[in-house]
Amino acid sequence: MKRYKGLIWLLGLMIGFSSCEMRDEILGKNELGENAGTLELNLTSVYNGVEMSRAGEVVDNGTTTGNFNEEDINVDGYTLVVTNTDTQEEVAKGLVRELKNADGKVLIPLNEGNYSVKAYNYDGANVSVSERPYFKGEQTFSVKKGISTSVGLTCKLSCIEMELGVTASFLEAFKDDYSITVDNGDNANQIFNKNNLGKKYYFQTPSQKNSLNVSVKATSTEGNFIELVATVQKPADAEGGIANLADGDSFVINLTDEGSTDSYLSIGLTVDLTFTEVGETIEIPVENITYDGPSVPGGETDPEPEAAITFEGLPAKYTCTYGDSEIEGLQDVHISATRGIKKLNVTISGEIAKLLFVVGLPETFDICNLTDDIKPTIINTLELITEDEYNQLHAGTCTDFTFRLGSLLVLVPGVVQSGDSVFNLSVSDGVDTKSGDITVTVNPKEE
């Protein structure tokens, strides 16, 4: 019996040592001398002026607290990092729940010196657009010998929040195939359609930018295509005097048919801006929303540039022989559209049209507005465009585009024994349309 008690005691001692080692790892195995002090940390997360980490329940149907997931509200799951700013050494890192003591407090022994403490719900610093909010807090402090230093750290929204909706009048005036692209002016963009209206997205805060860009493509119930580009500028007298886009700015953009008449259909925007640190909301003044495009609420459009659409490498004719793996002289098509390419329709006819099922392509498709079933074929299989190029084309902001048709045209002599195959490219900038043909003639292989 004594032997078993001895084994139990030894096992407990080993577990105790193991727990100490694990905690040492979390705290960075900080070797403390006689100049040791203590960091006592009080951590909270704040949204719209509410300390979410202390809120017992969601209030205002989620308006105040954002209706976020538990992992983004509960600071116990946040990552905490303590760095010695004198040596740049990371002296403690771990989840908050792992750094708490038996009393539920974050008490970290530290040598005398200068430090910074940082906490975040996930590492979202380099995420351009996400459906998950990025909360972060950071503060510097000093530790003195034998003294407990109390630090209150607040984690705030460290990105720009964006939500898009449409009014009932907009839904009545337009079909449900509308597409709206919002970008932060620094290569972060999100496409909205009927499937993700009302969903919040979180954009990386750009440097030295004061506006968001909104590109709208819609078709009226009568079948008229309307395209509009709007710039939403943050007011110069915004909260705290910060005119540029800043962490915690929350935009709610609503599309309406404002400005429409019986003979003229228009699209307008209303925008609310909330400063989530304090929970204050303002409406963006109409003079801070500027429009560019054929549909401009309340005024005339600017003069359109000349020579709006130009081609290089179109029209073109190529000749090859059945079985060829290459087409001699094949060139890419360079398209320039000063107003932006809004539609790039590809229509395939002739001998190759009978065999398009082999690669899963329809006879006509719009490169700017690909359907989900052919998008992988265009981007991944045929590599006609890249994902980034598609995003620009879909947004209608691409003014210069090189169409690499080689991987598509070279299929012709491989499957067509003889005859002509025609590829018609039709480009629209929302005002003008220009088209041209590429004809591939396949001669039969000599026996």
Protein backbone atom coordinates (compact mmCIF):
# COMPACT_ATOMS: atom_id res chain seq x y z
CA MET A 1 0.00 0.00 0.00
CA LYS A 2 2.85 2.37 0.88
CA ARG A 3 4.40 1.55 -2.48
CA TYR A 4 1.22 2.63 -4.32
CA LYS A 5 1.03 5.83 -2.27
CA GLY A 6 4.62 6.57 -3.20
CA LEU A 7 3.86 6.07 -6.89
CA ILE A 8 0.83 8.33 -6.68
CA TRP A 9 2.90 11.04 -4.97
CA LEU A 10 5.63 10.74 -7.62
CA LEU A 11 3.07 10.94 -10.43
CA GLY A 12 1.55 14.08 -8.90
CA LEU A 13 4.98 15.65 -8.60
CA MET A 14 5.71 14.91 -12.27
CA ILE A 15 2.39 16.46 -13.35
CA GLY A 16 3.17 19.53 -11.26
CA PHE A 17 6.57 19.96 -12.90
CA SER A 18 4.97 19.42 -16.31
CA SER A 19 2.35 22.12 -15.65
CA CYS A 20 5.06 24.54 -14.59
CA GLU A 21 7.03 23.80 -17.77
CA MET A 22 3.94 24.38 -19.92
CA ARG A 23 3.30 27.70 -18.25
CA ASP A 24 6.98 28.63 -18.68
CA GLU A 25 6.59 27.97 -22.39
CA ILE A 26 3.53 30.23 -22.58
CA LEU A 27 5.32 32.96 -20.65
CA GLY A 28 8.42 32.61 -22.78
CA LYS A 29 10.52 31.08 -19.95
CA ASN A 30 11.16 34.60 -18.70
CA GLU A 31 14.11 34.46 -16.27
CA LEU A 32 13.21 36.86 -13.51
CA GLY A 33 15.76 38.57 -11.32
CA GLU A 34 15.49 40.66 -8.20
CA ASN A 35 14.13 43.57 -10.32
CA ALA A 36 10.90 41.74 -11.13
CA GLY A 37 7.49 43.38 -11.26
CA THR A 38 4.07 42.26 -12.47
CA LEU A 39 1.71 43.07 -15.31
CA GLU A 40 -1.94 42.96 -14.28
CA LEU A 41 -4.04 43.07 -17.45
CA ASN A 42 -7.71 43.98 -17.83
CA LEU A 43 -8.84 43.08 -21.38
CA THR A 44 -12.11 44.01 -23.10
CA SER A 45 -13.50 44.13 -26.64
CA VAL A 46 -15.59 47.13 -27.72
CA TYR A 47 -18.02 47.66 -30.62
CA ASN A 48 -20.41 50.61 -30.98
CA GLY A 49 -19.45 51.80 -27.52
CA VAL A 50 -20.44 48.51 -25.86
CA GLU A 51 -17.97 46.28 -24.03
CA MET A 52 -18.98 43.08 -25.81
CA SER A 53 -16.82 40.85 -23.67
CA ARG A 54 -18.88 41.90 -20.66
CA ALA A 55 -22.30 41.90 -22.33
CA GLY A 56 -24.40 39.04 -21.06
CA GLU A 57 -26.55 38.95 -24.17
CA VAL A 58 -26.92 40.48 -27.62
CA VAL A 59 -28.85 43.75 -27.47
CA ASP A 60 -30.65 45.83 -30.12
CA ASN A 61 -31.05 42.68 -32.25
CA GLY A 62 -27.30 42.68 -32.77
CA THR A 63 -27.06 46.31 -33.88
CA THR A 64 -25.01 47.40 -30.90
CA THR A 65 -22.83 44.34 -30.45
CA GLY A 66 -22.65 43.38 -34.12
CA ASN A 67 -24.20 39.95 -33.55
CA PHE A 68 -20.72 38.45 -33.80
CA ASN A 69 -19.69 34.87 -33.13
CA GLU A 70 -18.63 33.95 -29.61
CA GLU A 71 -14.99 33.50 -30.68
CA ASP A 72 -14.84 37.17 -31.70
CA ILE A 73 -16.54 38.50 -28.56
CA ASN A 74 -15.04 36.41 -25.75
CA VAL A 75 -11.55 37.76 -25.05
CA ASP A 76 -10.61 34.50 -23.31
CA GLY A 77 -10.00 33.11 -26.80
CA TYR A 78 -7.92 36.09 -27.93
CA THR A 79 -4.17 35.76 -28.50
CA LEU A 80 -2.03 37.85 -26.14
CA VAL A 81 1.55 38.91 -26.91
CA VAL A 82 3.89 40.79 -24.56
CA THR A 83 7.10 42.23 -26.05
CA ASN A 84 10.07 43.89 -24.36
CA THR A 85 10.41 47.10 -26.40
CA ASP A 86 13.97 47.65 -25.21
CA THR A 87 15.19 44.33 -26.63
CA GLN A 88 12.31 43.51 -29.03
CA GLU A 89 12.11 40.11 -27.32
CA GLU A 90 8.73 38.40 -27.14
CA VAL A 91 8.49 37.48 -23.45
CA ALA A 92 4.97 36.03 -23.29
CA LYS A 93 2.46 34.70 -25.80
CA GLY A 94 -0.62 32.53 -25.58
CA LEU A 95 -4.39 32.47 -25.41
CA VAL A 96 -5.80 34.68 -22.67
CA ARG A 97 -7.49 31.71 -20.98
CA GLU A 98 -4.09 29.98 -20.77
CA LEU A 99 -2.46 33.01 -19.16
CA LYS A 100 -5.07 33.46 -16.45
CA ASN A 101 -4.30 32.32 -12.91
CA ALA A 102 -6.58 30.37 -10.59
CA ASP A 103 -8.48 33.57 -9.72
CA GLY A 104 -9.22 34.28 -13.38
CA LYS A 105 -6.77 37.17 -13.60
CA VAL A 106 -4.02 37.78 -16.13
CA LEU A 107 -0.94 38.33 -13.95
CA ILE A 108 2.39 38.09 -15.76
CA PRO A 109 5.70 38.52 -13.87
CA LEU A 110 8.15 40.68 -15.82
CA ASN A 111 11.57 42.17 -15.26
CA GLU A 112 11.83 45.92 -14.84
CA GLY A 113 11.68 47.62 -18.24
CA ASN A 114 9.50 48.88 -21.08
CA TYR A 115 6.95 46.66 -22.81
CA SER A 116 4.09 46.51 -25.28
CA VAL A 117 1.06 44.25 -24.97
CA LYS A 118 -1.08 43.25 -27.95
CA ALA A 119 -4.25 41.17 -28.17
CA TYR A 120 -6.34 40.06 -31.15
CA ASN A 121 -9.13 37.61 -31.97
CA TYR A 122 -7.28 36.25 -35.04
CA ASP A 123 -4.34 37.30 -37.18
CA GLY A 124 -6.23 39.44 -39.70
CA ALA A 125 -3.61 42.15 -40.29
CA ASN A 126 -2.94 41.10 -43.90
CA VAL A 127 -6.43 39.88 -44.85
CA SER A 128 -7.83 42.08 -47.65
CA VAL A 129 -11.53 41.14 -47.28
CA SER A 130 -13.15 38.73 -44.84
CA GLU A 131 -16.54 37.81 -43.41
CA ARG A 132 -14.88 37.74 -39.99
CA PRO A 133 -14.25 40.98 -38.03
CA TYR A 134 -10.69 41.70 -36.92
CA PHE A 135 -10.43 43.04 -33.36
CA LYS A 136 -7.08 44.19 -32.02
CA GLY A 137 -5.71 46.25 -29.16
CA GLU A 138 -2.16 47.38 -28.43
CA GLN A 139 -0.60 49.47 -25.68
CA THR A 140 2.82 50.25 -24.20
CA PHE A 141 3.63 50.24 -20.49
CA SER A 142 6.52 50.13 -18.04
CA VAL A 143 7.27 47.71 -15.20
CA LYS A 144 8.97 48.82 -11.99
CA LYS A 145 10.70 46.68 -9.41
CA GLY A 146 8.29 45.10 -6.93
CA ILE A 147 5.29 46.93 -8.34
CA SER A 148 2.17 45.50 -9.98
CA THR A 149 1.41 47.55 -13.11
CA SER A 150 -2.27 47.62 -14.04
CA VAL A 151 -3.00 47.95 -17.78
CA GLY A 152 -6.44 48.28 -19.32
CA LEU A 153 -6.38 47.07 -22.94
CA THR A 154 -9.35 47.60 -25.26
CA CYS A 155 -9.63 45.63 -28.50
CA LYS A 156 -11.45 47.55 -31.24
CA LEU A 157 -12.43 46.85 -34.82
CA SER A 158 -9.18 47.11 -36.79
CA CYS A 159 -10.67 47.11 -40.28
CA ILE A 160 -13.50 48.74 -42.24
CA GLU A 161 -16.96 47.22 -41.96
CA MET A 162 -19.21 47.23 -45.05
CA GLU A 163 -22.81 46.17 -45.59
CA LEU A 164 -24.81 46.60 -48.79
CA GLY A 165 -28.56 46.56 -49.31
CA VAL A 166 -31.19 47.60 -51.84
CA THR A 167 -34.49 49.40 -51.34
CA ALA A 168 -37.88 47.98 -52.24
CA SER A 169 -38.17 50.50 -55.07
CA PHE A 170 -34.87 49.28 -56.51
CA LEU A 171 -36.12 45.69 -56.48
CA GLU A 172 -39.26 46.78 -58.31
CA ALA A 173 -37.32 48.69 -60.98
CA PHE A 174 -34.55 46.15 -61.68
CA LYS A 175 -34.19 42.43 -62.31
CA ASP A 176 -32.47 40.32 -59.67
CA ASP A 177 -29.31 39.72 -61.76
CA TYR A 178 -27.68 42.93 -60.49
CA SER A 179 -24.03 42.91 -59.46
CA ILE A 180 -22.36 45.48 -57.21
CA THR A 181 -18.61 45.63 -56.58
CA VAL A 182 -17.24 47.64 -53.65
CA ASP A 183 -13.51 48.31 -53.33
CA ASN A 184 -11.39 50.23 -50.84
CA GLY A 185 -9.14 51.83 -53.47
CA ASP A 186 -6.26 49.54 -52.50
CA ASN A 187 -6.90 46.20 -54.26
CA ALA A 188 -9.49 44.91 -51.78
CA ASN A 189 -12.91 44.34 -53.36
CA GLN A 190 -16.09 42.39 -52.72
CA ILE A 191 -18.88 41.50 -55.16
CA PHE A 192 -22.48 41.72 -53.91
CA ASN A 193 -25.55 40.18 -55.49
CA LYS A 194 -28.96 38.97 -54.34
CA ASN A 195 -27.34 36.13 -52.37
CA ASN A 196 -25.22 38.20 -49.96
CA LEU A 197 -27.18 41.42 -49.44
CA GLY A 198 -27.22 42.44 -45.79
CA LYS A 199 -24.11 40.43 -44.98
CA LYS A 200 -21.25 42.31 -43.36
CA TYR A 201 -17.76 42.21 -44.85
CA TYR A 202 -14.53 43.49 -43.38
CA PHE A 203 -12.02 45.32 -45.60
CA GLN A 204 -8.39 45.98 -44.78
CA THR A 205 -8.02 49.66 -43.95
CA PRO A 206 -6.12 51.32 -46.82
CA SER A 207 -3.38 53.87 -46.27
CA GLN A 208 -4.20 57.51 -47.07
CA LYS A 209 -7.54 56.78 -48.78
CA ASN A 210 -10.69 58.76 -48.06
CA SER A 211 -13.31 56.99 -50.17
CA LEU A 212 -14.87 53.72 -51.27
CA ASN A 213 -15.71 52.90 -54.89
CA VAL A 214 -19.03 51.31 -55.81
CA SER A 215 -19.58 49.84 -59.27
CA VAL A 216 -23.15 48.84 -60.14
CA LYS A 217 -24.41 46.72 -63.03
CA ALA A 218 -28.14 46.23 -63.32
CA THR A 219 -30.83 45.45 -65.87
CA SER A 220 -34.18 47.19 -65.67
CA THR A 221 -37.37 45.17 -65.70
CA GLU A 222 -37.82 46.42 -69.28
CA GLY A 223 -34.46 44.90 -70.25
CA ASN A 224 -32.27 48.04 -70.36
CA PHE A 225 -28.70 47.57 -69.10
CA ILE A 226 -27.51 50.28 -66.70
CA GLU A 227 -24.02 50.72 -65.35
CA LEU A 228 -22.93 53.20 -62.72
CA VAL A 229 -19.71 53.93 -60.85
CA ALA A 230 -19.96 55.94 -57.63
CA THR A 231 -17.35 57.27 -55.22
CA VAL A 232 -18.36 57.54 -51.56
CA GLN A 233 -16.10 60.02 -49.80
CA LYS A 234 -15.76 60.17 -46.05
CA PRO A 235 -16.66 63.67 -44.76
CA ALA A 236 -13.67 65.87 -43.93
CA ASP A 237 -15.24 66.78 -40.57
CA ALA A 238 -15.70 63.15 -39.53
CA GLU A 239 -15.38 61.86 -35.98
CA GLY A 240 -12.08 62.96 -34.44
CA GLY A 241 -11.20 65.02 -37.51
CA ILE A 242 -10.01 61.91 -39.39
CA ALA A 243 -10.92 62.46 -43.05
CA ASN A 244 -9.21 59.31 -44.33
CA LEU A 245 -10.73 55.85 -43.97
CA ALA A 246 -9.86 54.53 -40.53
CA ASP A 247 -10.14 51.39 -38.41
CA GLY A 248 -13.66 51.04 -37.06
CA ASP A 249 -15.45 52.90 -39.86
CA SER A 250 -18.67 51.04 -40.66
CA PHE A 251 -20.52 51.78 -43.92
CA VAL A 252 -24.08 50.75 -44.78
CA ILE A 253 -24.77 51.43 -48.48
CA ASN A 254 -28.27 51.16 -49.92
CA LEU A 255 -29.10 51.25 -53.62
CA THR A 256 -32.27 52.95 -54.77
CA ASP A 257 -33.90 54.05 -58.01
CA GLU A 258 -33.77 57.63 -56.73
CA GLY A 259 -33.91 60.18 -59.54
CA SER A 260 -35.91 57.96 -61.89
CA THR A 261 -38.79 59.34 -63.94
CA ASP A 262 -41.27 57.80 -66.36
CA SER A 263 -38.80 58.37 -69.21
CA TYR A 264 -35.49 58.07 -67.35
CA LEU A 265 -34.24 55.25 -65.12
CA SER A 266 -31.54 56.05 -62.59
CA ILE A 267 -29.63 54.51 -59.68
CA GLY A 268 -28.78 56.38 -56.50
CA LEU A 269 -26.98 55.62 -53.24
CA THR A 270 -27.68 56.46 -49.61
CA VAL A 271 -24.84 55.81 -47.16
CA ASP A 272 -24.69 55.72 -43.36
CA LEU A 273 -21.32 55.82 -41.61
CA THR A 274 -20.94 54.57 -38.04
CA PHE A 275 -17.86 55.12 -35.89
CA THR A 276 -17.90 51.81 -34.04
CA GLU A 277 -15.56 52.90 -31.26
CA VAL A 278 -18.18 55.27 -29.87
CA GLY A 279 -21.33 54.09 -31.68
CA GLU A 280 -22.10 57.39 -33.43
CA THR A 281 -23.82 57.23 -36.87
CA ILE A 282 -24.00 59.96 -39.52
CA GLU A 283 -25.46 60.05 -43.02
CA ILE A 284 -22.95 60.74 -45.79
CA PRO A 285 -24.00 64.05 -47.43
CA VAL A 286 -25.14 63.82 -51.06
CA GLU A 287 -22.28 66.09 -52.12
CA ASN A 288 -19.82 63.45 -50.88
CA ILE A 289 -21.20 60.87 -53.33
CA THR A 290 -20.07 61.43 -56.92
CA TYR A 291 -21.30 59.48 -59.93
CA ASP A 292 -19.72 58.51 -63.23
CA GLY A 293 -21.52 56.67 -66.01
CA PRO A 294 -24.53 56.86 -68.30
CA SER A 295 -26.97 56.95 -65.38
CA VAL A 296 -26.22 59.91 -63.13
CA PRO A 297 -28.89 60.94 -60.58
CA GLY A 298 -29.87 64.61 -60.75
CA GLY A 299 -27.59 65.82 -63.50
CA GLU A 300 -25.86 65.36 -66.83
CA THR A 301 -22.84 63.17 -67.44
CA ASP A 302 -19.41 64.54 -68.15
CA PRO A 303 -18.35 64.67 -71.81
CA GLU A 304 -17.39 61.18 -72.97
CA PRO A 305 -13.83 60.60 -74.23
CA GLU A 306 -13.20 60.06 -77.90
CA ALA A 307 -12.10 56.75 -79.45
CA ALA A 308 -13.67 54.89 -76.56
CA ILE A 309 -12.94 51.32 -77.75
CA THR A 310 -9.93 50.16 -79.81
CA PHE A 311 -8.62 46.72 -80.83
CA GLU A 312 -5.21 45.33 -81.71
CA GLY A 313 -5.13 41.88 -83.30
CA LEU A 314 -8.78 42.02 -84.35
CA PRO A 315 -10.17 41.18 -86.89
CA ALA A 316 -7.81 38.34 -87.78
CA LYS A 317 -7.69 35.21 -89.97
CA TYR A 318 -5.53 32.15 -89.38
CA THR A 319 -4.96 29.02 -91.45
CA CYS A 320 -3.79 25.66 -90.14
CA THR A 321 -4.01 21.93 -90.88
CA TYR A 322 -5.98 19.28 -89.03
CA GLY A 323 -3.79 17.79 -86.32
CA ASP A 324 -1.58 20.89 -85.86
CA SER A 325 -0.62 21.59 -82.25
CA GLU A 326 0.10 25.24 -83.00
CA ILE A 327 -1.41 28.00 -85.15
CA GLU A 328 1.21 29.97 -87.02
CA GLY A 329 1.20 33.73 -86.38
CA LEU A 330 -1.40 33.55 -83.61
CA GLN A 331 -1.60 36.83 -81.69
CA ASP A 332 -3.31 37.96 -78.49
CA VAL A 333 -6.09 40.53 -78.77
CA HIS A 334 -5.43 43.82 -76.99
CA ILE A 335 -8.55 45.77 -76.00
CA SER A 336 -8.59 49.38 -74.84
CA ALA A 337 -11.80 50.96 -73.49
CA THR A 338 -11.40 54.37 -71.88
CA ARG A 339 -14.78 54.14 -70.12
CA GLY A 340 -14.04 50.63 -68.83
CA ILE A 341 -14.98 47.26 -70.30
CA LYS A 342 -18.51 46.45 -69.13
CA LYS A 343 -19.24 43.47 -71.41
CA LEU A 344 -16.95 41.20 -73.44
CA ASN A 345 -19.15 38.76 -75.29
CA VAL A 346 -17.55 35.80 -77.05
CA THR A 347 -19.72 34.13 -79.69
CA ILE A 348 -18.42 30.93 -81.30
CA SER A 349 -19.81 29.64 -84.59
CA GLY A 350 -18.78 27.40 -87.45
CA GLU A 351 -17.31 23.91 -87.20
CA ILE A 352 -15.92 24.23 -83.65
CA ALA A 353 -19.33 25.23 -82.28
CA LYS A 354 -20.55 21.65 -82.72
CA LEU A 355 -17.82 20.37 -80.40
CA LEU A 356 -17.89 22.93 -77.56
CA PHE A 357 -19.47 20.38 -75.24
CA VAL A 358 -16.04 18.74 -75.04
CA VAL A 359 -14.70 21.64 -72.95
CA GLY A 360 -18.06 22.58 -71.42
CA LEU A 361 -18.53 25.96 -73.09
CA PRO A 362 -21.73 27.51 -74.48
CA GLU A 363 -21.71 29.14 -77.90
CA THR A 364 -22.01 32.60 -76.30
CA PHE A 365 -20.67 33.85 -72.97
CA ASP A 366 -19.70 37.16 -71.38
CA ILE A 367 -16.14 37.23 -70.00
CA CYS A 368 -17.15 40.10 -67.65
CA ASN A 369 -20.08 38.20 -66.15
CA LEU A 370 -19.29 34.49 -66.04
CA THR A 371 -21.79 32.01 -64.68
CA ASP A 372 -20.69 29.66 -61.93
CA ASP A 373 -20.74 26.62 -64.23
CA ILE A 374 -18.29 27.99 -66.84
CA LYS A 375 -16.12 30.23 -64.67
CA PRO A 376 -13.73 27.38 -63.63
CA THR A 377 -13.33 26.38 -67.29
CA ILE A 378 -12.44 29.92 -68.40
CA ILE A 379 -10.09 30.69 -65.49
CA ASN A 380 -8.60 27.35 -64.42
CA THR A 381 -8.86 25.00 -67.40
CA LEU A 382 -8.37 27.24 -70.43
CA GLU A 383 -6.59 30.01 -68.48
CA LEU A 384 -8.07 32.69 -70.73
CA ILE A 385 -8.06 35.13 -67.80
CA THR A 386 -6.86 35.20 -64.19
CA GLU A 387 -9.04 35.59 -61.11
CA ASP A 388 -7.71 39.14 -60.59
CA GLU A 389 -8.44 40.06 -64.21
CA TYR A 390 -11.97 38.71 -63.86
CA ASN A 391 -12.58 40.80 -60.73
CA GLN A 392 -11.55 43.95 -62.63
CA LEU A 393 -13.61 43.04 -65.68
CA HIS A 394 -16.60 42.16 -63.53
CA ALA A 395 -16.32 45.50 -61.72
CA GLY A 396 -16.36 47.31 -65.10
CA THR A 397 -13.23 49.29 -64.20
CA CYS A 398 -10.74 47.54 -66.51
CA THR A 399 -9.70 49.92 -69.31
CA ASP A 400 -6.83 47.91 -70.79
CA PHE A 401 -7.03 44.15 -71.31
CA THR A 402 -5.03 41.57 -73.25
CA PHE A 403 -7.16 38.57 -74.21
CA ARG A 404 -4.93 35.48 -74.41
CA LEU A 405 -6.97 33.32 -76.78
CA GLY A 406 -4.21 30.88 -77.70
CA SER A 407 -5.32 28.06 -75.39
CA LEU A 408 -8.82 28.23 -76.87
CA LEU A 409 -8.01 28.68 -80.58
CA VAL A 410 -5.36 25.96 -80.60
CA LEU A 411 -8.11 23.45 -79.79
CA VAL A 412 -9.61 23.97 -83.25
CA PRO A 413 -7.13 22.04 -85.45
CA GLY A 414 -7.09 19.27 -82.87
CA VAL A 415 -10.78 18.45 -83.24
CA VAL A 416 -11.97 20.07 -86.49
CA GLN A 417 -10.96 18.11 -89.60
CA SER A 418 -11.74 20.94 -92.04
CA GLY A 419 -13.70 24.17 -92.43
CA ASP A 420 -14.02 27.58 -90.78
CA SER A 421 -14.52 28.35 -87.09
CA VAL A 422 -15.37 31.93 -86.13
CA PHE A 423 -14.82 33.65 -82.77
CA ASN A 424 -16.63 36.97 -82.53
CA LEU A 425 -15.57 39.39 -79.77
CA SER A 426 -18.03 42.15 -78.89
CA VAL A 427 -16.96 44.81 -76.38
CA SER A 428 -19.33 47.26 -74.69
CA ASP A 429 -18.33 50.15 -72.41
CA GLY A 430 -21.92 50.86 -71.38
CA VAL A 431 -22.31 53.45 -74.13
CA ASP A 432 -20.64 52.14 -77.29
CA THR A 433 -20.16 48.62 -78.65
CA LYS A 434 -17.43 47.40 -81.01
CA SER A 435 -16.87 43.90 -82.37
CA GLY A 436 -14.64 41.87 -84.65
CA ASP A 437 -14.09 38.29 -85.86
CA ILE A 438 -11.24 35.84 -85.55
CA THR A 439 -11.56 33.17 -88.23
CA VAL A 440 -9.62 29.92 -88.03
CA THR A 441 -9.60 27.90 -91.27
CA VAL A 442 -8.60 24.27 -90.96
CA ASN A 443 -7.38 22.47 -94.07
CA PRO A 444 -7.78 18.67 -94.20
CA LYS A 445 -4.69 16.64 -93.52
CA GLU A 446 -3.05 15.21 -96.63
CA GLU A 447 -3.15 11.44 -96.81
